[in-house]
Amino acid sequence: MYDSILLPTDASAGMNRAVEHAIDLADRYDATLHVLYVVDTDTYSSYSGDEYVHEFEGLESALEQAGEEAIAEVVEAADTAGVETTAVVRHGVPHEEILAYADEADIGLTVIGSKDRPGEYRRLLGSVAERVARMAERPVTVVKTPVDG
């Protein structure tokens, strides 16, 4: 049913359930697992800098490294399960890059993690997962992880 599955990761601890779900699906369908990390350009382009990070490039580089480490963890788990992977780091607005990549790579299913927070928090801020699920023209599975606060 699916030749390719996309797992966007944000390097957060709440991704474990989504990672397990995506690897299991890729294994069941003998699909390639695409692991994507988006360096949020709004994060480093709006950052004014301080005594610790003097240039945008320093923060951008740190975000890239965090993404590469998050991807490496998923790839290692997928390798252990015998699942073929493709690792990608992109720069931009996360939900836009996830949707664009899904189209460009002809992804069959996107599995995205979402932190299950109290309603007021979600109403105020929304989430990348919600935007992807709402705007996607391809199938999306949202895997929720309970989070306090």
C-alpha atoms as a PDB file:
ATOM      1  CA  MET A   1       0.000   0.000   0.000  1.00  0.00           C
ATOM      2  CA  TYR A   2       2.844   2.444   0.838  1.00  0.00           C
ATOM      3  CA  ASP A   3       6.216   2.488  -0.917  1.00  0.00           C
ATOM      4  CA  SER A   4       7.479   5.417   1.121  1.00  0.00           C
ATOM      5  CA  ILE A   5       6.729   6.808   4.558  1.00  0.00           C
ATOM      6  CA  LEU A   6       7.791  10.232   5.815  1.00  0.00           C
ATOM      7  CA  LEU A   7       8.677  10.833   9.449  1.00  0.00           C
ATOM      8  CA  PRO A   8       9.353  14.486  10.219  1.00  0.00           C
ATOM      9  CA  THR A   9      11.250  14.809  13.497  1.00  0.00           C
ATOM     10  CA  ASP A  10      11.779  17.805  15.738  1.00  0.00           C
ATOM     11  CA  ALA A  11      14.394  16.251  18.034  1.00  0.00           C
ATOM     12  CA  SER A  12      12.002  16.258  20.999  1.00  0.00           C
ATOM     13  CA  ALA A  13      11.619  13.487  23.550  1.00  0.00           C
ATOM     14  CA  GLY A  14       7.950  13.154  22.619  1.00  0.00           C
ATOM     15  CA  MET A  15       8.816  11.608  19.259  1.00  0.00           C
ATOM     16  CA  ASN A  16       9.324   8.035  20.524  1.00  0.00           C
ATOM     17  CA  ARG A  17       5.795   6.819  19.768  1.00  0.00           C
ATOM     18  CA  ALA A  18       5.824   8.328  16.275  1.00  0.00           C
ATOM     19  CA  VAL A  19       9.245   6.799  15.545  1.00  0.00           C
ATOM     20  CA  GLU A  20       8.097   3.342  16.644  1.00  0.00           C
ATOM     21  CA  HIS A  21       4.894   3.674  14.619  1.00  0.00           C
ATOM     22  CA  ALA A  22       6.690   4.837  11.460  1.00  0.00           C
ATOM     23  CA  ILE A  23       9.338   2.110  11.654  1.00  0.00           C
ATOM     24  CA  ASP A  24       6.678  -0.548  12.218  1.00  0.00           C
ATOM     25  CA  LEU A  25       4.667   0.659   9.216  1.00  0.00           C
ATOM     26  CA  ALA A  26       7.745   0.854   6.990  1.00  0.00           C
ATOM     27  CA  ASP A  27       8.668  -2.687   8.009  1.00  0.00           C
ATOM     28  CA  ARG A  28       5.142  -4.023   7.401  1.00  0.00           C
ATOM     29  CA  TYR A  29       4.853  -2.397   3.983  1.00  0.00           C
ATOM     30  CA  ASP A  30       8.502  -2.894   2.994  1.00  0.00           C
ATOM     31  CA  ALA A  31       8.619   0.863   2.464  1.00  0.00           C
ATOM     32  CA  THR A  32      11.497   3.311   2.555  1.00  0.00           C
ATOM     33  CA  LEU A  33      11.374   5.524   5.645  1.00  0.00           C
ATOM     34  CA  HIS A  34      12.222   9.156   4.869  1.00  0.00           C
ATOM     35  CA  VAL A  35      13.384  10.928   8.019  1.00  0.00           C
ATOM     36  CA  LEU A  36      13.126  14.714   7.721  1.00  0.00           C
ATOM     37  CA  TYR A  37      14.298  17.474  10.027  1.00  0.00           C
ATOM     38  CA  VAL A  38      13.432  21.060   9.170  1.00  0.00           C
ATOM     39  CA  VAL A  39      15.675  23.802  10.509  1.00  0.00           C
ATOM     40  CA  ASP A  40      13.092  26.481  11.271  1.00  0.00           C
ATOM     41  CA  THR A  41      14.365  29.617   9.539  1.00  0.00           C
ATOM     42  CA  ASP A  42      12.070  31.781  11.671  1.00  0.00           C
ATOM     43  CA  THR A  43      13.947  30.609  14.761  1.00  0.00           C
ATOM     44  CA  TYR A  44      17.365  31.792  13.694  1.00  0.00           C
ATOM     45  CA  SER A  45      16.428  34.687  11.413  1.00  0.00           C
ATOM     46  CA  SER A  46      14.454  36.411  14.188  1.00  0.00           C
ATOM     47  CA  TYR A  47      17.075  35.725  16.855  1.00  0.00           C
ATOM     48  CA  SER A  48      18.795  38.931  17.921  1.00  0.00           C
ATOM     49  CA  GLY A  49      21.875  37.191  19.309  1.00  0.00           C
ATOM     50  CA  ASP A  50      23.433  37.456  22.738  1.00  0.00           C
ATOM     51  CA  GLU A  51      26.722  36.819  24.461  1.00  0.00           C
ATOM     52  CA  TYR A  52      26.476  33.089  23.690  1.00  0.00           C
ATOM     53  CA  VAL A  53      25.522  33.221  20.019  1.00  0.00           C
ATOM     54  CA  HIS A  54      26.961  36.205  18.166  1.00  0.00           C
ATOM     55  CA  GLU A  55      25.782  35.360  14.680  1.00  0.00           C
ATOM     56  CA  PHE A  56      22.758  33.755  13.040  1.00  0.00           C
ATOM     57  CA  GLU A  57      25.101  31.120  11.604  1.00  0.00           C
ATOM     58  CA  GLY A  58      25.982  29.896  15.094  1.00  0.00           C
ATOM     59  CA  LEU A  59      22.366  29.203  15.980  1.00  0.00           C
ATOM     60  CA  GLU A  60      21.614  27.824  12.516  1.00  0.00           C
ATOM     61  CA  SER A  61      24.555  25.445  12.810  1.00  0.00           C
ATOM     62  CA  ALA A  62      23.438  24.318  16.268  1.00  0.00           C
ATOM     63  CA  LEU A  63      19.920  23.627  14.969  1.00  0.00           C
ATOM     64  CA  GLU A  64      21.326  21.675  12.010  1.00  0.00           C
ATOM     65  CA  GLN A  65      23.482  19.590  14.337  1.00  0.00           C
ATOM     66  CA  ALA A  66      20.500  18.858  16.607  1.00  0.00           C
ATOM     67  CA  GLY A  67      18.529  17.766  13.551  1.00  0.00           C
ATOM     68  CA  GLU A  68      21.301  15.530  12.259  1.00  0.00           C
ATOM     69  CA  GLU A  69      21.574  13.880  15.679  1.00  0.00           C
ATOM     70  CA  ALA A  70      17.797  13.339  15.841  1.00  0.00           C
ATOM     71  CA  ILE A  71      17.821  11.827  12.357  1.00  0.00           C
ATOM     72  CA  ALA A  72      20.770   9.572  13.231  1.00  0.00           C
ATOM     73  CA  GLU A  73      18.851   8.118  16.205  1.00  0.00           C
ATOM     74  CA  VAL A  74      15.853   7.292  14.009  1.00  0.00           C
ATOM     75  CA  VAL A  75      18.049   5.850  11.249  1.00  0.00           C
ATOM     76  CA  GLU A  76      19.839   3.637  13.784  1.00  0.00           C
ATOM     77  CA  ALA A  77      16.520   2.300  15.109  1.00  0.00           C
ATOM     78  CA  ALA A  78      15.265   1.737  11.555  1.00  0.00           C
ATOM     79  CA  ASP A  79      18.484  -0.067  10.583  1.00  0.00           C
ATOM     80  CA  THR A  80      18.053  -2.376  13.570  1.00  0.00           C
ATOM     81  CA  ALA A  81      14.563  -3.211  12.280  1.00  0.00           C
ATOM     82  CA  GLY A  82      15.878  -3.764   8.748  1.00  0.00           C
ATOM     83  CA  VAL A  83      14.104  -0.712   7.339  1.00  0.00           C
ATOM     84  CA  GLU A  84      15.697   1.269   4.495  1.00  0.00           C
ATOM     85  CA  THR A  85      15.983   4.991   5.217  1.00  0.00           C
ATOM     86  CA  THR A  86      16.584   8.299   3.502  1.00  0.00           C
ATOM     87  CA  ALA A  87      17.761  11.139   5.741  1.00  0.00           C
ATOM     88  CA  VAL A  88      17.068  14.773   4.852  1.00  0.00           C
ATOM     89  CA  VAL A  89      17.696  18.147   6.509  1.00  0.00           C
ATOM     90  CA  ARG A  90      15.928  21.155   5.012  1.00  0.00           C
ATOM     91  CA  HIS A  91      15.596  24.809   5.945  1.00  0.00           C
ATOM     92  CA  GLY A  92      12.357  26.747   6.022  1.00  0.00           C
ATOM     93  CA  VAL A  93       8.965  26.892   7.710  1.00  0.00           C
ATOM     94  CA  PRO A  94       8.444  23.384   9.127  1.00  0.00           C
ATOM     95  CA  HIS A  95       4.915  22.592   7.947  1.00  0.00           C
ATOM     96  CA  GLU A  96       5.598  24.057   4.502  1.00  0.00           C
ATOM     97  CA  GLU A  97       8.816  22.058   4.069  1.00  0.00           C
ATOM     98  CA  ILE A  98       7.161  18.839   5.279  1.00  0.00           C
ATOM     99  CA  LEU A  99       4.323  19.232   2.781  1.00  0.00           C
ATOM    100  CA  ALA A 100       6.689  20.187  -0.051  1.00  0.00           C
ATOM    101  CA  TYR A 101       8.981  17.231   0.642  1.00  0.00           C
ATOM    102  CA  ALA A 102       6.024  14.825   0.730  1.00  0.00           C
ATOM    103  CA  ASP A 103       5.028  16.003  -2.747  1.00  0.00           C
ATOM    104  CA  GLU A 104       8.561  16.085  -4.174  1.00  0.00           C
ATOM    105  CA  ALA A 105       9.443  12.591  -2.890  1.00  0.00           C
ATOM    106  CA  ASP A 106       6.006  11.166  -3.758  1.00  0.00           C
ATOM    107  CA  ILE A 107       5.453  10.055  -0.154  1.00  0.00           C
ATOM    108  CA  GLY A 108       2.600   7.613   0.419  1.00  0.00           C
ATOM    109  CA  LEU A 109       2.048   8.331   4.132  1.00  0.00           C
ATOM    110  CA  THR A 110       3.354  10.911   6.583  1.00  0.00           C
ATOM    111  CA  VAL A 111       3.620   9.847  10.226  1.00  0.00           C
ATOM    112  CA  ILE A 112       3.965  12.877  12.463  1.00  0.00           C
ATOM    113  CA  GLY A 113       4.281  13.131  16.210  1.00  0.00           C
ATOM    114  CA  SER A 114       2.196  15.531  18.243  1.00  0.00           C
ATOM    115  CA  LYS A 115       2.380  16.399  21.893  1.00  0.00           C
ATOM    116  CA  ASP A 116      -1.066  15.965  23.456  1.00  0.00           C
ATOM    117  CA  ARG A 117      -1.272  19.129  25.547  1.00  0.00           C
ATOM    118  CA  PRO A 118      -4.201  20.756  27.338  1.00  0.00           C
ATOM    119  CA  GLY A 119      -6.756  22.427  25.036  1.00  0.00           C
ATOM    120  CA  GLU A 120      -5.992  26.028  26.004  1.00  0.00           C
ATOM    121  CA  TYR A 121      -2.312  25.634  25.124  1.00  0.00           C
ATOM    122  CA  ARG A 122      -3.177  24.138  21.739  1.00  0.00           C
ATOM    123  CA  ARG A 123      -5.785  26.792  20.947  1.00  0.00           C
ATOM    124  CA  LEU A 124      -3.256  29.531  21.608  1.00  0.00           C
ATOM    125  CA  LEU A 125      -0.310  28.126  19.672  1.00  0.00           C
ATOM    126  CA  GLY A 126      -1.522  25.408  17.290  1.00  0.00           C
ATOM    127  CA  SER A 127       1.036  22.919  16.038  1.00  0.00           C
ATOM    128  CA  VAL A 128       3.050  21.836  13.036  1.00  0.00           C
ATOM    129  CA  ALA A 129       1.273  18.456  13.133  1.00  0.00           C
ATOM    130  CA  GLU A 130      -2.134  20.122  12.949  1.00  0.00           C
ATOM    131  CA  ARG A 131      -1.086  22.265  10.003  1.00  0.00           C
ATOM    132  CA  VAL A 132       0.366  19.288   8.151  1.00  0.00           C
ATOM    133  CA  ALA A 133      -2.734  17.155   8.775  1.00  0.00           C
ATOM    134  CA  ARG A 134      -5.077  19.968   7.742  1.00  0.00           C
ATOM    135  CA  MET A 135      -3.184  21.061   4.623  1.00  0.00           C
ATOM    136  CA  ALA A 136      -1.883  17.727   3.298  1.00  0.00           C
ATOM    137  CA  GLU A 137      -3.279  16.228   0.126  1.00  0.00           C
ATOM    138  CA  ARG A 138      -1.702  12.873   1.013  1.00  0.00           C
ATOM    139  CA  PRO A 139      -2.509  10.555   3.952  1.00  0.00           C
ATOM    140  CA  VAL A 140      -1.214  11.658   7.369  1.00  0.00           C
ATOM    141  CA  THR A 141      -1.176   9.727  10.623  1.00  0.00           C
ATOM    142  CA  VAL A 142      -0.798  11.805  13.793  1.00  0.00           C
ATOM    143  CA  VAL A 143       0.725   9.919  16.724  1.00  0.00           C
ATOM    144  CA  LYS A 144       0.034  11.699  20.008  1.00  0.00           C
ATOM    145  CA  THR A 145       2.264  11.630  23.065  1.00  0.00           C
ATOM    146  CA  PRO A 146       0.841  12.917  26.370  1.00  0.00           C
ATOM    147  CA  VAL A 147       2.775  15.868  27.803  1.00  0.00           C
ATOM    148  CA  ASP A 148       2.212  17.727  31.065  1.00  0.00           C
ATOM    149  CA  GLY A 149       1.565  21.455  30.845  1.00  0.00           C
END
